[in-house]
Amino acid sequence: MKQLLTAAACVASLLASTHTAALDVNTVMTKPLPDYPGREATMIVVSYLPGDKEMPHRHDAHALLYVFEGSIIMQVKGQAAVTLKAGDSYYEGPKDVHVVGKNASDTAPARFVVVLLKKKGAPILTPIQSK
């Protein structure tokens, strides 16, 4: 339990350094994947306040996203930005660089869940320095 709380604190710290507003990120679960040695699944819920946006980052994981409230804009390097609304899903691969992640609204919140399939103990995200 102590390791899980420490990991959650590290994630919150990383996320705090990679966004422009007070994003609310909650780790719901981290579970080892015995059929895939050295791998784990982590589920997080992200809440964007109106106008929230993230700084560029990558996940070094397969990231499966599902929007359950509001509308968000997502973009990975080399692809067009997409606007997702409640009920929509999105995928980012382990080598994708997440260049846009933001609330599509300046007046309404947005919430989504992300399931990350990653190396055991790896961080949920790695900030990317702008050039």
C-alpha atoms as a PDB file:
ATOM      1  CA  MET A   1       0.000   0.000   0.000  1.00  0.00           C
ATOM      2  CA  LYS A   2       2.853   2.360   0.849  1.00  0.00           C
ATOM      3  CA  GLN A   3       4.360   1.770  -2.622  1.00  0.00           C
ATOM      4  CA  LEU A   4       1.019   2.547  -4.265  1.00  0.00           C
ATOM      5  CA  LEU A   5       0.677   5.805  -2.317  1.00  0.00           C
ATOM      6  CA  THR A   6       4.256   6.748  -3.164  1.00  0.00           C
ATOM      7  CA  ALA A   7       3.626   6.001  -6.847  1.00  0.00           C
ATOM      8  CA  ALA A   8       0.437   8.092  -6.781  1.00  0.00           C
ATOM      9  CA  ALA A   9       2.342  10.989  -5.202  1.00  0.00           C
ATOM     10  CA  CYS A  10       5.036  10.736  -7.899  1.00  0.00           C
ATOM     11  CA  VAL A  11       2.418  10.738 -10.652  1.00  0.00           C
ATOM     12  CA  ALA A  12       0.678  13.757  -9.151  1.00  0.00           C
ATOM     13  CA  SER A  13       4.025  15.550  -8.936  1.00  0.00           C
ATOM     14  CA  LEU A  14       4.892  14.738 -12.561  1.00  0.00           C
ATOM     15  CA  LEU A  15       1.489  15.826 -13.775  1.00  0.00           C
ATOM     16  CA  ALA A  16       1.679  19.028 -11.750  1.00  0.00           C
ATOM     17  CA  SER A  17       4.872  19.904 -13.607  1.00  0.00           C
ATOM     18  CA  THR A  18       3.415  19.184 -17.062  1.00  0.00           C
ATOM     19  CA  HIS A  19       0.218  21.176 -17.223  1.00  0.00           C
ATOM     20  CA  THR A  20      -0.852  24.781 -17.063  1.00  0.00           C
ATOM     21  CA  ALA A  21      -3.714  24.411 -14.605  1.00  0.00           C
ATOM     22  CA  ALA A  22      -4.608  22.323 -11.565  1.00  0.00           C
ATOM     23  CA  LEU A  23      -5.446  19.028 -13.257  1.00  0.00           C
ATOM     24  CA  ASP A  24      -7.107  16.437 -11.070  1.00  0.00           C
ATOM     25  CA  VAL A  25      -5.592  12.990 -11.662  1.00  0.00           C
ATOM     26  CA  ASN A  26      -6.570   9.980  -9.562  1.00  0.00           C
ATOM     27  CA  THR A  27      -4.995   6.553  -9.831  1.00  0.00           C
ATOM     28  CA  VAL A  28      -7.849   4.062  -9.605  1.00  0.00           C
ATOM     29  CA  MET A  29      -5.841   0.843  -9.860  1.00  0.00           C
ATOM     30  CA  THR A  30      -2.459  -0.642 -10.678  1.00  0.00           C
ATOM     31  CA  LYS A  31      -2.411  -4.361 -11.377  1.00  0.00           C
ATOM     32  CA  PRO A  32       0.462  -6.661 -12.416  1.00  0.00           C
ATOM     33  CA  LEU A  33      -0.178  -8.627 -15.616  1.00  0.00           C
ATOM     34  CA  PRO A  34       1.066 -12.169 -14.836  1.00  0.00           C
ATOM     35  CA  ASP A  35       0.631 -13.313 -18.460  1.00  0.00           C
ATOM     36  CA  TYR A  36       3.009 -10.496 -19.498  1.00  0.00           C
ATOM     37  CA  PRO A  37       5.993 -10.667 -17.114  1.00  0.00           C
ATOM     38  CA  GLY A  38       7.367  -7.265 -16.152  1.00  0.00           C
ATOM     39  CA  ARG A  39       4.200  -5.459 -17.292  1.00  0.00           C
ATOM     40  CA  GLU A  40       1.317  -3.854 -15.423  1.00  0.00           C
ATOM     41  CA  ALA A  41      -1.943  -2.035 -16.121  1.00  0.00           C
ATOM     42  CA  THR A  42      -2.644   1.307 -14.452  1.00  0.00           C
ATOM     43  CA  MET A  43      -6.015   3.023 -14.591  1.00  0.00           C
ATOM     44  CA  ILE A  44      -6.308   6.765 -13.954  1.00  0.00           C
ATOM     45  CA  VAL A  45      -9.192   9.220 -14.047  1.00  0.00           C
ATOM     46  CA  VAL A  46      -8.326  12.711 -15.299  1.00  0.00           C
ATOM     47  CA  SER A  47     -10.546  15.729 -14.722  1.00  0.00           C
ATOM     48  CA  TYR A  48      -9.998  18.910 -16.715  1.00  0.00           C
ATOM     49  CA  LEU A  49     -11.442  22.133 -15.405  1.00  0.00           C
ATOM     50  CA  PRO A  50     -12.665  24.570 -18.060  1.00  0.00           C
ATOM     51  CA  GLY A  51      -9.644  25.759 -20.061  1.00  0.00           C
ATOM     52  CA  ASP A  52      -7.206  23.173 -18.636  1.00  0.00           C
ATOM     53  CA  LYS A  53      -4.414  21.925 -20.883  1.00  0.00           C
ATOM     54  CA  GLU A  54      -1.373  19.693 -20.524  1.00  0.00           C
ATOM     55  CA  MET A  55       2.194  20.253 -21.618  1.00  0.00           C
ATOM     56  CA  PRO A  56       3.777  17.865 -24.171  1.00  0.00           C
ATOM     57  CA  HIS A  57       4.598  14.400 -22.825  1.00  0.00           C
ATOM     58  CA  ARG A  58       4.709  10.730 -23.701  1.00  0.00           C
ATOM     59  CA  HIS A  59       3.489   7.706 -21.814  1.00  0.00           C
ATOM     60  CA  ASP A  60       5.936   4.946 -22.856  1.00  0.00           C
ATOM     61  CA  ALA A  61       2.830   2.751 -22.704  1.00  0.00           C
ATOM     62  CA  HIS A  62      -0.206   1.715 -24.647  1.00  0.00           C
ATOM     63  CA  ALA A  63      -2.791   4.266 -23.485  1.00  0.00           C
ATOM     64  CA  LEU A  64      -6.510   3.575 -23.957  1.00  0.00           C
ATOM     65  CA  LEU A  65      -8.702   6.585 -23.186  1.00  0.00           C
ATOM     66  CA  TYR A  66     -12.482   6.873 -22.765  1.00  0.00           C
ATOM     67  CA  VAL A  67     -14.274  10.210 -22.295  1.00  0.00           C
ATOM     68  CA  PHE A  68     -17.245  10.069 -19.943  1.00  0.00           C
ATOM     69  CA  GLU A  69     -17.952  13.784 -19.416  1.00  0.00           C
ATOM     70  CA  GLY A  70     -17.432  16.904 -21.511  1.00  0.00           C
ATOM     71  CA  SER A  71     -15.234  17.297 -24.551  1.00  0.00           C
ATOM     72  CA  ILE A  72     -11.445  17.183 -24.972  1.00  0.00           C
ATOM     73  CA  ILE A  73      -8.915  17.789 -27.737  1.00  0.00           C
ATOM     74  CA  MET A  74      -6.069  15.271 -28.161  1.00  0.00           C
ATOM     75  CA  GLN A  75      -3.186  15.143 -30.615  1.00  0.00           C
ATOM     76  CA  VAL A  76      -0.047  13.069 -30.987  1.00  0.00           C
ATOM     77  CA  LYS A  77       2.915  14.284 -33.018  1.00  0.00           C
ATOM     78  CA  GLY A  78       2.453  13.688 -36.735  1.00  0.00           C
ATOM     79  CA  GLN A  79      -1.315  13.250 -36.549  1.00  0.00           C
ATOM     80  CA  ALA A  80      -4.232  15.655 -36.720  1.00  0.00           C
ATOM     81  CA  ALA A  81      -5.858  16.898 -33.512  1.00  0.00           C
ATOM     82  CA  VAL A  82      -9.154  15.220 -32.666  1.00  0.00           C
ATOM     83  CA  THR A  83     -12.028  16.469 -30.553  1.00  0.00           C
ATOM     84  CA  LEU A  84     -13.549  13.759 -28.386  1.00  0.00           C
ATOM     85  CA  LYS A  85     -16.878  13.963 -26.589  1.00  0.00           C
ATOM     86  CA  ALA A  86     -18.516  11.773 -23.951  1.00  0.00           C
ATOM     87  CA  GLY A  87     -18.626   8.196 -25.270  1.00  0.00           C
ATOM     88  CA  ASP A  88     -15.596   8.587 -27.557  1.00  0.00           C
ATOM     89  CA  SER A  89     -12.313   6.677 -27.193  1.00  0.00           C
ATOM     90  CA  TYR A  90      -8.692   7.345 -28.170  1.00  0.00           C
ATOM     91  CA  TYR A  91      -5.404   5.436 -28.348  1.00  0.00           C
ATOM     92  CA  GLU A  92      -1.779   6.492 -27.903  1.00  0.00           C
ATOM     93  CA  GLY A  93       1.112   4.121 -28.550  1.00  0.00           C
ATOM     94  CA  PRO A  94       4.297   3.729 -26.509  1.00  0.00           C
ATOM     95  CA  LYS A  95       6.356   5.882 -28.880  1.00  0.00           C
ATOM     96  CA  ASP A  96       3.725   8.592 -29.451  1.00  0.00           C
ATOM     97  CA  VAL A  97       4.454  12.110 -28.233  1.00  0.00           C
ATOM     98  CA  HIS A  98       1.303  13.707 -26.833  1.00  0.00           C
ATOM     99  CA  VAL A  99       1.534  17.314 -28.106  1.00  0.00           C
ATOM    100  CA  VAL A 100      -2.023  18.486 -27.322  1.00  0.00           C
ATOM    101  CA  GLY A 101      -4.262  17.479 -24.444  1.00  0.00           C
ATOM    102  CA  LYS A 102      -6.850  20.015 -23.369  1.00  0.00           C
ATOM    103  CA  ASN A 103     -10.416  20.703 -22.422  1.00  0.00           C
ATOM    104  CA  ALA A 104     -12.328  21.744 -25.543  1.00  0.00           C
ATOM    105  CA  SER A 105     -14.469  24.065 -23.400  1.00  0.00           C
ATOM    106  CA  ASP A 106     -13.694  27.225 -21.470  1.00  0.00           C
ATOM    107  CA  THR A 107     -16.933  26.837 -19.483  1.00  0.00           C
ATOM    108  CA  ALA A 108     -17.539  23.129 -18.776  1.00  0.00           C
ATOM    109  CA  PRO A 109     -15.370  20.458 -17.112  1.00  0.00           C
ATOM    110  CA  ALA A 110     -14.292  17.223 -18.824  1.00  0.00           C
ATOM    111  CA  ARG A 111     -13.460  13.808 -17.352  1.00  0.00           C
ATOM    112  CA  PHE A 112     -11.921  10.723 -18.877  1.00  0.00           C
ATOM    113  CA  VAL A 113     -10.390   7.412 -17.852  1.00  0.00           C
ATOM    114  CA  VAL A 114      -7.062   6.155 -19.176  1.00  0.00           C
ATOM    115  CA  VAL A 115      -5.780   2.586 -18.962  1.00  0.00           C
ATOM    116  CA  LEU A 116      -2.016   2.366 -19.405  1.00  0.00           C
ATOM    117  CA  LEU A 117      -0.295  -0.935 -20.266  1.00  0.00           C
ATOM    118  CA  LYS A 118       3.323  -0.330 -19.307  1.00  0.00           C
ATOM    119  CA  LYS A 119       6.524  -1.720 -17.816  1.00  0.00           C
ATOM    120  CA  LYS A 120       6.106  -2.505 -14.128  1.00  0.00           C
ATOM    121  CA  GLY A 121       7.062   0.506 -12.012  1.00  0.00           C
ATOM    122  CA  ALA A 122       7.529   2.838 -15.004  1.00  0.00           C
ATOM    123  CA  PRO A 123       6.188   6.385 -14.615  1.00  0.00           C
ATOM    124  CA  ILE A 124       2.783   7.181 -16.051  1.00  0.00           C
ATOM    125  CA  LEU A 125       4.241   9.945 -18.159  1.00  0.00           C
ATOM    126  CA  THR A 126       7.513  11.554 -19.184  1.00  0.00           C
ATOM    127  CA  PRO A 127       7.536  15.328 -19.855  1.00  0.00           C
ATOM    128  CA  ILE A 128       8.858  16.436 -23.253  1.00  0.00           C
ATOM    129  CA  GLN A 129      10.853  19.655 -23.391  1.00  0.00           C
ATOM    130  CA  SER A 130       9.682  22.140 -26.005  1.00  0.00           C
ATOM    131  CA  LYS A 131      12.310  23.094 -28.578  1.00  0.00           C
END
